[in-house]
Protein backbone atom coordinates (compact mmCIF):
# COMPACT_ATOMS: atom_id res chain seq x y z
CA MET A 1 17.96 -4.25 8.30
CA SER A 2 16.27 -3.76 4.93
CA GLY A 3 13.09 -1.97 3.96
CA LYS A 4 11.69 0.18 1.18
CA ILE A 5 11.26 3.91 1.82
CA PHE A 6 9.21 6.41 -0.17
CA PHE A 7 10.98 9.77 0.17
CA VAL A 8 9.46 13.07 -1.01
CA GLU A 9 11.76 16.12 -0.87
CA ASP A 10 12.06 19.01 -3.35
CA ASP A 11 15.50 20.26 -2.23
CA HIS A 12 17.74 18.33 -4.62
CA ASN A 13 20.94 18.72 -2.58
CA PHE A 14 19.34 17.62 0.66
CA GLY A 15 17.34 14.91 -1.10
CA ALA A 16 20.43 13.40 -2.72
CA VAL A 17 22.30 13.38 0.59
CA MET A 18 19.41 11.74 2.48
CA LYS A 19 18.85 9.13 -0.23
CA SER A 20 22.54 8.18 -0.13
CA PHE A 21 22.55 8.12 3.67
CA LEU A 22 19.55 5.79 3.85
CA GLU A 23 20.90 3.51 1.12
CA MET A 24 24.27 3.31 2.89
CA ASN A 25 22.35 2.00 5.90
CA GLY A 26 20.70 -0.80 3.96
CA PHE A 27 17.41 0.73 2.82
CA SER A 28 15.94 0.91 -0.67
CA VAL A 29 14.76 4.46 -1.45
CA ASP A 30 12.42 5.88 -4.08
CA TRP A 31 12.93 9.66 -4.10
CA VAL A 32 10.43 12.05 -5.72
CA ALA A 33 10.76 15.86 -5.72
CA ASN A 34 7.20 16.88 -6.61
CA GLY A 35 4.03 16.29 -4.59
CA THR A 36 1.78 15.60 -7.55
CA GLU A 37 4.25 13.17 -9.13
CA ALA A 38 4.77 11.51 -5.75
CA LEU A 39 1.09 10.64 -5.43
CA LYS A 40 1.13 8.98 -8.86
CA LYS A 41 4.29 7.01 -8.08
CA PHE A 42 3.12 5.85 -4.65
CA THR A 43 0.06 4.19 -6.19
CA TYR A 44 2.26 1.71 -8.06
CA GLY A 45 4.78 0.95 -5.31
CA VAL A 46 5.08 -1.19 -2.21
CA TYR A 47 6.67 0.63 0.74
CA ASP A 48 7.35 0.21 4.44
CA LEU A 49 7.77 3.90 5.32
CA CYS A 50 6.99 7.32 3.81
CA ILE A 51 9.14 10.35 4.63
CA ILE A 52 7.53 13.53 3.33
CA ASP A 53 8.54 17.19 3.30
CA VAL A 54 5.67 19.62 3.95
CA MET A 55 6.58 22.37 1.48
CA LEU A 56 6.46 20.77 -1.97
CA PRO A 57 5.71 21.87 -5.52
CA GLY A 58 2.48 20.46 -6.91
CA ILE A 59 0.51 19.43 -3.87
CA ASP A 60 1.85 20.12 -0.38
CA GLY A 61 3.06 17.41 1.97
CA PHE A 62 0.00 17.49 4.24
CA THR A 63 -2.33 16.95 1.28
CA LEU A 64 -0.06 14.27 -0.14
CA ALA A 65 0.04 12.41 3.16
CA SER A 66 -3.76 12.58 3.48
CA GLU A 67 -4.15 11.08 0.00
CA ILE A 68 -1.58 8.37 0.74
CA ARG A 69 -3.49 7.48 3.91
CA LYS A 70 -6.59 6.90 1.76
CA ILE A 71 -4.63 4.47 -0.42
CA GLU A 72 -2.66 2.76 2.36
CA SER A 73 -4.17 3.44 5.78
CA ASP A 74 -1.49 1.68 7.84
CA ILE A 75 1.68 2.89 6.08
CA HIS A 76 4.26 4.33 8.49
CA LEU A 77 4.65 8.05 7.89
CA PHE A 78 7.21 10.69 8.90
CA PHE A 79 7.03 14.39 8.11
CA MET A 80 10.46 15.97 7.63
CA THR A 81 10.31 19.76 7.41
CA ALA A 82 11.64 23.13 8.52
CA ARG A 83 8.12 24.17 9.58
CA ARG A 84 8.11 24.16 13.37
CA MET A 85 4.88 25.98 14.28
CA LYS A 86 2.77 24.15 16.84
CA GLU A 87 -0.19 24.22 14.45
CA ASP A 88 1.84 22.47 11.75
CA ILE A 89 3.10 19.80 14.14
CA MET A 90 -0.42 19.12 15.42
CA LYS A 91 -1.75 18.96 11.85
CA GLY A 92 0.90 16.39 10.95
CA PHE A 93 -0.02 14.11 13.83
CA LYS A 94 -3.75 14.55 13.17
CA ILE A 95 -3.16 13.24 9.64
CA GLY A 96 -1.60 10.16 11.23
CA ALA A 97 2.15 10.74 11.24
CA ASP A 98 4.32 8.44 13.32
CA ASP A 99 6.80 11.30 13.76
CA TYR A 100 7.30 14.95 12.84
CA ILE A 101 11.00 15.62 12.29
CA ILE A 102 12.14 19.25 12.24
CA LYS A 103 15.17 20.23 10.14
CA PRO A 104 18.00 20.31 11.06
CA PHE A 105 18.05 17.06 13.04
CA ASP A 106 20.42 14.49 14.50
CA THR A 107 20.96 11.85 11.79
CA GLU A 108 21.85 9.14 14.30
CA VAL A 109 18.58 9.62 16.20
CA PHE A 110 16.71 9.83 12.89
CA LEU A 111 18.20 6.51 11.75
CA TYR A 112 17.02 4.80 14.94
CA LYS A 113 13.52 6.15 14.32
CA VAL A 114 13.54 4.81 10.76
CA LYS A 115 14.74 1.38 11.92
CA ALA A 116 12.03 1.27 14.59
CA ALA A 117 9.32 2.10 12.04
CA ILE A 118 10.60 -0.51 9.60
CA ARG A 119 10.77 -3.07 12.40
CA ARG A 120 7.12 -2.38 13.30
CA SER A 121 6.20 -2.75 9.63
CA ASN A 122 8.03 -6.09 9.43
CA ASN A 123 6.37 -7.34 12.61
CA LEU A 124 2.96 -6.87 11.02
CA THR A 125 3.87 -9.53 8.47
CA LYS A 126 5.85 -11.89 10.68
CA LYS A 127 5.19 -15.55 9.87
CA PRO A 128 2.17 -14.86 7.63
CA GLU A 129 0.02 -17.58 6.14
CA ILE A 130 0.82 -17.46 2.43
CA ILE A 131 -1.97 -18.47 0.07
CA MET A 132 -0.92 -19.84 -3.29
CA ILE A 133 -3.10 -18.78 -6.22
CA GLY A 134 -1.63 -20.61 -9.18
CA LYS A 135 1.88 -19.16 -9.49
CA TYR A 136 1.02 -16.15 -7.31
CA GLU A 137 1.80 -15.86 -3.60
CA PHE A 138 -0.84 -13.95 -1.64
CA ASN A 139 -0.09 -12.59 1.83
CA PRO A 140 -3.46 -11.47 3.27
CA VAL A 141 -1.79 -9.86 6.30
CA SER A 142 0.50 -7.50 4.39
CA ARG A 143 -2.01 -7.43 1.49
CA ARG A 144 0.63 -8.25 -1.12
CA ILE A 145 0.59 -10.59 -4.07
CA SER A 146 3.81 -11.57 -5.80
CA PHE A 147 4.60 -13.24 -9.10
CA TYR A 148 8.24 -14.28 -9.55
CA GLY A 149 9.43 -11.35 -7.42
CA LYS A 150 7.05 -8.78 -8.90
CA GLU A 151 4.88 -7.41 -6.07
CA GLN A 152 1.52 -5.67 -5.98
CA LYS A 153 0.11 -4.08 -2.83
CA LEU A 154 -3.67 -4.42 -2.49
CA SER A 155 -6.09 -2.07 -0.81
CA PRO A 156 -7.89 -3.45 2.28
CA LYS A 157 -11.07 -4.21 0.30
CA GLU A 158 -9.13 -5.75 -2.60
CA ALA A 159 -7.32 -8.06 -0.19
CA ALA A 160 -10.49 -9.00 1.68
CA LEU A 161 -12.28 -9.79 -1.58
CA LEU A 162 -9.39 -11.87 -2.90
CA GLN A 163 -9.23 -13.81 0.36
CA LEU A 164 -12.95 -14.60 0.15
CA LEU A 165 -12.52 -15.77 -3.44
CA CYS A 166 -9.65 -18.01 -2.31
CA GLU A 167 -11.81 -19.49 0.43
CA HIS A 168 -14.36 -20.38 -2.29
CA GLN A 169 -11.76 -21.38 -4.90
CA ASN A 170 -13.40 -23.18 -7.87
CA GLU A 171 -16.77 -22.60 -6.19
CA VAL A 172 -19.24 -19.73 -6.46
CA LEU A 173 -18.75 -16.85 -4.03
CA PRO A 174 -22.28 -15.45 -3.61
CA ARG A 175 -22.40 -11.73 -4.41
CA GLU A 176 -24.57 -10.95 -1.38
CA LYS A 177 -22.17 -12.70 1.00
CA ALA A 178 -19.14 -10.75 -0.25
CA LEU A 179 -21.01 -7.44 -0.16
CA LYS A 180 -22.26 -7.92 3.40
CA ILE A 181 -18.90 -9.13 4.75
CA ILE A 182 -16.71 -6.49 3.07
CA TRP A 183 -19.01 -3.53 2.43
CA GLY A 184 -21.63 -4.18 5.10
CA ASP A 185 -24.44 -3.69 2.57
CA ASP A 186 -25.66 -5.32 -0.63
CA ASN A 187 -27.37 -2.39 -2.35
CA TYR A 188 -26.99 -1.45 -6.01
CA PHE A 189 -24.14 1.02 -5.45
CA THR A 190 -21.97 -1.31 -3.39
CA ALA A 191 -22.58 -4.04 -5.97
CA ARG A 192 -21.26 -1.75 -8.71
CA SER A 193 -18.29 -0.95 -6.49
CA MET A 194 -17.49 -4.65 -6.10
CA ASP A 195 -17.56 -5.08 -9.89
CA VAL A 196 -14.78 -2.48 -10.10
CA PHE A 197 -12.72 -4.37 -7.51
CA ILE A 198 -13.20 -7.65 -9.41
CA THR A 199 -11.87 -5.96 -12.55
CA LYS A 200 -8.80 -4.80 -10.62
CA LEU A 201 -8.14 -8.29 -9.23
CA ARG A 202 -8.33 -9.76 -12.73
CA LYS A 203 -5.69 -7.25 -13.82
CA TYR A 204 -3.42 -8.13 -10.89
CA LEU A 205 -3.67 -11.87 -11.65
CA LYS A 206 -3.42 -11.66 -15.44
CA ASP A 207 0.16 -12.98 -15.72
CA ASP A 208 -0.91 -16.53 -14.85
CA LYS A 209 -3.09 -17.81 -17.70
CA ASN A 210 -4.36 -20.65 -15.49
CA ILE A 211 -6.24 -18.19 -13.27
CA ALA A 212 -9.61 -16.63 -14.02
CA ILE A 213 -12.38 -14.87 -12.10
CA GLU A 214 -15.69 -15.74 -13.74
CA ASN A 215 -18.97 -13.87 -13.51
CA ILE A 216 -21.72 -16.29 -12.50
CA HIS A 217 -24.92 -14.68 -13.76
CA SER A 218 -27.27 -13.57 -10.97
CA SER A 219 -25.16 -15.42 -8.40
CA GLY A 220 -21.66 -14.07 -7.88
CA TYR A 221 -18.09 -14.83 -8.87
CA ARG A 222 -15.86 -17.88 -9.06
CA LEU A 223 -12.07 -17.93 -8.79
CA ILE A 224 -10.81 -20.72 -11.03
CA VAL A 225 -7.25 -21.97 -10.67
CA GLY A 226 -6.32 -24.57 -13.28
CA GLY A 227 -9.06 -26.74 -14.71
CA ASN A 228 -11.30 -25.53 -17.51
CA ILE A 229 -10.95 -21.80 -18.04
CA LYS A 230 -13.24 -20.31 -20.67
């Protein structure tokens, strides 16, 4: 079984051992030792599971996990910590942890838990309908776009907006329609928010010069693939 794990642990000896253990069992591991740095790194990665210590330099593990949940609401999440107070355990699960693992622990049992979480993550994207956007592959279920092996994970709203643009490819997607479907409102502030998301999608798709997202004045946006791009 393969899968990509985001591992946050400030104890360098323990962290090195765990990273090696997980890699020996077929997983790819990004290990970060600082909570603040971890939040920055997570933003640019694509992961199946997060394993986070609670006591971290920078920002603590609970805060880090809460921020990660805002970025990726359905990411599988384990806390791994020596803190065993009932209040801490309850706080971890309230944040949305799949498990709260107290050190020391049985590595064999832990490995089965990791495999189960990765399997659930893989099942979410089983047999997805892949949408081709020029040379990009877009998986609306896992919210990932890939370009020759380079992947970008989209937020839920980014993915929903890109899917709507694809459904109206080379046609105008009315601004009001997108706002009401994705944001539930078409007021001034949500319209400005959508403009920000359009800018992000342009950045994600910039490597294929045959793709453009045009502003259609007073109407909406148009995803152009091939054809005449201004």
